[in-house]
């Protein structure tokens, strides 16, 4: 029983980390794009 809960928890944490990673990458790209366009204008 405990093993199942632990596996689910680690899976949830893994998914969360993945989402954060993707969100961070998107934010970084967006920020870079905004900075570039700010420099151009």
PDB file of N, CA and C in Angstrom:
ATOM      1  N   UNK A   1       0.834  -1.196   0.000  1.00  0.00           N
ATOM      2  CA  UNK A   1       0.000   0.000   0.000  1.00  0.00           C
ATOM      3  C   UNK A   1       0.877   1.256   0.000  1.00  0.00           C
ATOM      4  N   UNK A   2       1.844   1.291   0.899  1.00  0.00           N
ATOM      5  CA  UNK A   2       2.718   2.453   1.010  1.00  0.00           C
ATOM      6  C   UNK A   2       3.535   2.649  -0.264  1.00  0.00           C
ATOM      7  N   UNK A   3       3.937   1.541  -0.878  1.00  0.00           N
ATOM      8  CA  UNK A   3       4.742   1.606  -2.104  1.00  0.00           C
ATOM      9  C   UNK A   3       3.947   2.283  -3.212  1.00  0.00           C
ATOM     10  N   UNK A   4       2.660   1.948  -3.316  1.00  0.00           N
ATOM     11  CA  UNK A   4       1.808   2.542  -4.354  1.00  0.00           C
ATOM     12  C   UNK A   4       1.722   4.058  -4.151  1.00  0.00           C
ATOM     13  N   UNK A   5       1.515   4.476  -2.908  1.00  0.00           N
ATOM     14  CA  UNK A   5       1.426   5.905  -2.599  1.00  0.00           C
ATOM     15  C   UNK A   5       2.734   6.586  -2.946  1.00  0.00           C
ATOM     16  N   UNK A   6       3.829   5.945  -2.604  1.00  0.00           N
ATOM     17  CA  UNK A   6       5.145   6.522  -2.871  1.00  0.00           C
ATOM     18  C   UNK A   6       5.370   6.667  -4.367  1.00  0.00           C
ATOM     19  N   UNK A   7       4.994   5.644  -5.127  1.00  0.00           N
ATOM     20  CA  UNK A   7       5.158   5.694  -6.587  1.00  0.00           C
ATOM     21  C   UNK A   7       4.329   6.819  -7.173  1.00  0.00           C
ATOM     22  N   UNK A   8       3.099   6.963  -6.709  1.00  0.00           N
ATOM     23  CA  UNK A   8       2.233   8.032  -7.199  1.00  0.00           C
ATOM     24  C   UNK A   8       2.813   9.400  -6.860  1.00  0.00           C
ATOM     25  N   UNK A   9       3.343   9.513  -5.653  1.00  0.00           N
ATOM     26  CA  UNK A   9       3.913  10.789  -5.214  1.00  0.00           C
ATOM     27  C   UNK A   9       5.100  11.164  -6.091  1.00  0.00           C
ATOM     28  N   UNK A  10       5.977  10.212  -6.331  1.00  0.00           N
ATOM     29  CA  UNK A  10       7.161  10.498  -7.148  1.00  0.00           C
ATOM     30  C   UNK A  10       6.747  10.837  -8.576  1.00  0.00           C
ATOM     31  N   UNK A  11       5.680  10.194  -9.061  1.00  0.00           N
ATOM     32  CA  UNK A  11       5.175  10.487 -10.407  1.00  0.00           C
ATOM     33  C   UNK A  11       4.618  11.903 -10.476  1.00  0.00           C
ATOM     34  N   UNK A  12       3.874  12.288  -9.451  1.00  0.00           N
ATOM     35  CA  UNK A  12       3.304  13.637  -9.393  1.00  0.00           C
ATOM     36  C   UNK A  12       4.415  14.672  -9.343  1.00  0.00           C
ATOM     37  N   UNK A  13       5.429  14.395  -8.514  1.00  0.00           N
ATOM     38  CA  UNK A  13       6.563  15.320  -8.398  1.00  0.00           C
ATOM     39  C   UNK A  13       7.281  15.427  -9.734  1.00  0.00           C
ATOM     40  N   UNK A  14       7.444  14.291 -10.411  1.00  0.00           N
ATOM     41  CA  UNK A  14       8.109  14.274 -11.713  1.00  0.00           C
ATOM     42  C   UNK A  14       7.340  15.125 -12.721  1.00  0.00           C
ATOM     43  N   UNK A  15       6.035  14.954 -12.754  1.00  0.00           N
ATOM     44  CA  UNK A  15       5.191  15.734 -13.677  1.00  0.00           C
ATOM     45  C   UNK A  15       5.289  17.221 -13.344  1.00  0.00           C
ATOM     46  N   UNK A  16       5.285  17.525 -12.055  1.00  0.00           N
ATOM     47  CA  UNK A  16       5.362  18.912 -11.616  1.00  0.00           C
ATOM     48  C   UNK A  16       6.680  19.534 -12.056  1.00  0.00           C
ATOM     49  N   UNK A  17       7.761  18.796 -11.866  1.00  0.00           N
ATOM     50  CA  UNK A  17       9.078  19.297 -12.262  1.00  0.00           C
ATOM     51  C   UNK A  17       9.124  19.520 -13.768  1.00  0.00           C
ATOM     52  N   UNK A  18       8.515  18.601 -14.512  1.00  0.00           N
ATOM     53  CA  UNK A  18       8.487  18.715 -15.969  1.00  0.00           C
ATOM     54  C   UNK A  18       7.733  19.982 -16.378  1.00  0.00           C
ATOM     55  N   UNK A  19       6.573  20.210 -15.736  1.00  0.00           N
ATOM     56  CA  UNK A  19       5.778  21.399 -16.053  1.00  0.00           C
ATOM     57  C   UNK A  19       6.559  22.665 -15.744  1.00  0.00           C
ATOM     58  N   UNK A  20       7.224  22.684 -14.597  1.00  0.00           N
ATOM     59  CA  UNK A  20       8.009  23.856 -14.197  1.00  0.00           C
ATOM     60  C   UNK A  20       9.127  24.093 -15.202  1.00  0.00           C
ATOM     61  N   UNK A  21       9.771  23.006 -15.623  1.00  0.00           N
ATOM     62  CA  UNK A  21      10.880  23.112 -16.576  1.00  0.00           C
ATOM     63  C   UNK A  21      10.397  23.712 -17.889  1.00  0.00           C
ATOM     64  N   UNK A  22       9.275  23.192 -18.401  1.00  0.00           N
ATOM     65  CA  UNK A  22       8.717  23.692 -19.663  1.00  0.00           C
ATOM     66  C   UNK A  22       8.313  25.163 -19.508  1.00  0.00           C
ATOM     67  N   UNK A  23       7.663  25.471 -18.385  1.00  0.00           N
ATOM     68  CA  UNK A  23       7.227  26.844 -18.136  1.00  0.00           C
ATOM     69  C   UNK A  23       8.425  27.783 -18.072  1.00  0.00           C
ATOM     70  N   UNK A  24       9.491  27.310 -17.420  1.00  0.00           N
ATOM     71  CA  UNK A  24      10.705  28.121 -17.291  1.00  0.00           C
ATOM     72  C   UNK A  24      11.327  28.382 -18.658  1.00  0.00           C
ATOM     73  N   UNK A  25      11.397  27.343 -19.489  1.00  0.00           N
ATOM     74  CA  UNK A  25      11.967  27.494 -20.819  1.00  0.00           C
ATOM     75  C   UNK A  25      11.155  28.487 -21.641  1.00  0.00           C
ATOM     76  N   UNK A  26       9.826  28.364 -21.587  1.00  0.00           N
ATOM     77  CA  UNK A  26       8.946  29.274 -22.333  1.00  0.00           C
ATOM     78  C   UNK A  26       9.150  30.710 -21.867  1.00  0.00           C
ATOM     79  N   UNK A  27       9.204  30.885 -20.551  1.00  0.00           N
ATOM     80  CA  UNK A  27       9.368  32.225 -19.986  1.00  0.00           C
ATOM     81  C   UNK A  27      10.692  32.816 -20.418  1.00  0.00           C
ATOM     82  N   UNK A  28      11.740  31.988 -20.408  1.00  0.00           N
ATOM     83  CA  UNK A  28      13.067  32.454 -20.784  1.00  0.00           C
ATOM     84  C   UNK A  28      13.075  32.894 -22.240  1.00  0.00           C
ATOM     85  N   UNK A  29      12.454  32.086 -23.107  1.00  0.00           N
ATOM     86  CA  UNK A  29      12.403  32.422 -24.525  1.00  0.00           C
ATOM     87  C   UNK A  29      11.617  33.708 -24.741  1.00  0.00           C
ATOM     88  N   UNK A  30      10.481  33.814 -24.069  1.00  0.00           N
ATOM     89  CA  UNK A  30       9.651  35.010 -24.193  1.00  0.00           C
ATOM     90  C   UNK A  30      10.424  36.232 -23.720  1.00  0.00           C
ATOM     91  N   UNK A  31      11.105  36.090 -22.595  1.00  0.00           N
ATOM     92  CA  UNK A  31      11.869  37.205 -22.031  1.00  0.00           C
ATOM     93  C   UNK A  31      12.969  37.634 -22.995  1.00  0.00           C
ATOM     94  N   UNK A  32      13.636  36.642 -23.590  1.00  0.00           N
ATOM     95  CA  UNK A  32      14.708  36.935 -24.543  1.00  0.00           C
ATOM     96  C   UNK A  32      14.130  37.672 -25.755  1.00  0.00           C
ATOM     97  N   UNK A  33      12.976  37.216 -26.227  1.00  0.00           N
ATOM     98  CA  UNK A  33      12.328  37.851 -27.373  1.00  0.00           C
ATOM     99  C   UNK A  33      11.942  39.283 -27.074  1.00  0.00           C
ATOM    100  N   UNK A  34      11.411  39.505 -25.880  1.00  0.00           N
ATOM    101  CA  UNK A  34      11.017  40.864 -25.481  1.00  0.00           C
ATOM    102  C   UNK A  34      12.244  41.755 -25.399  1.00  0.00           C
ATOM    103  N   UNK A  35      13.319  41.221 -24.837  1.00  0.00           N
ATOM    104  CA  UNK A  35      14.548  42.012 -24.708  1.00  0.00           C
ATOM    105  C   UNK A  35      15.092  42.376 -26.083  1.00  0.00           C
ATOM    106  N   UNK A  36      15.053  41.401 -27.007  1.00  0.00           N
ATOM    107  CA  UNK A  36      15.553  41.651 -28.365  1.00  0.00           C
ATOM    108  C   UNK A  36      14.740  42.743 -29.051  1.00  0.00           C
ATOM    109  N   UNK A  37      13.424  42.625 -28.978  1.00  0.00           N
ATOM    110  CA  UNK A  37      12.567  43.612 -29.640  1.00  0.00           C
ATOM    111  C   UNK A  37      12.722  44.978 -28.981  1.00  0.00           C
ATOM    112  N   UNK A  38      13.016  44.983 -27.697  1.00  0.00           N
ATOM    113  CA  UNK A  38      13.223  46.262 -27.005  1.00  0.00           C
ATOM    114  C   UNK A  38      14.515  46.907 -27.489  1.00  0.00           C
ATOM    115  N   UNK A  39      15.520  46.078 -27.737  1.00  0.00           N
ATOM    116  CA  UNK A  39      16.788  46.601 -28.236  1.00  0.00           C
ATOM    117  C   UNK A  39      16.641  47.129 -29.660  1.00  0.00           C
ATOM    118  N   UNK A  40      15.832  46.423 -30.461  1.00  0.00           N
ATOM    119  CA  UNK A  40      15.664  46.817 -31.868  1.00  0.00           C
ATOM    120  C   UNK A  40      14.932  48.151 -32.000  1.00  0.00           C
ATOM    121  N   UNK A  41      13.916  48.336 -31.165  1.00  0.00           N
ATOM    122  CA  UNK A  41      13.095  49.545 -31.304  1.00  0.00           C
ATOM    123  C   UNK A  41      13.825  50.784 -30.786  1.00  0.00           C
TER     124      UNK A  41
END
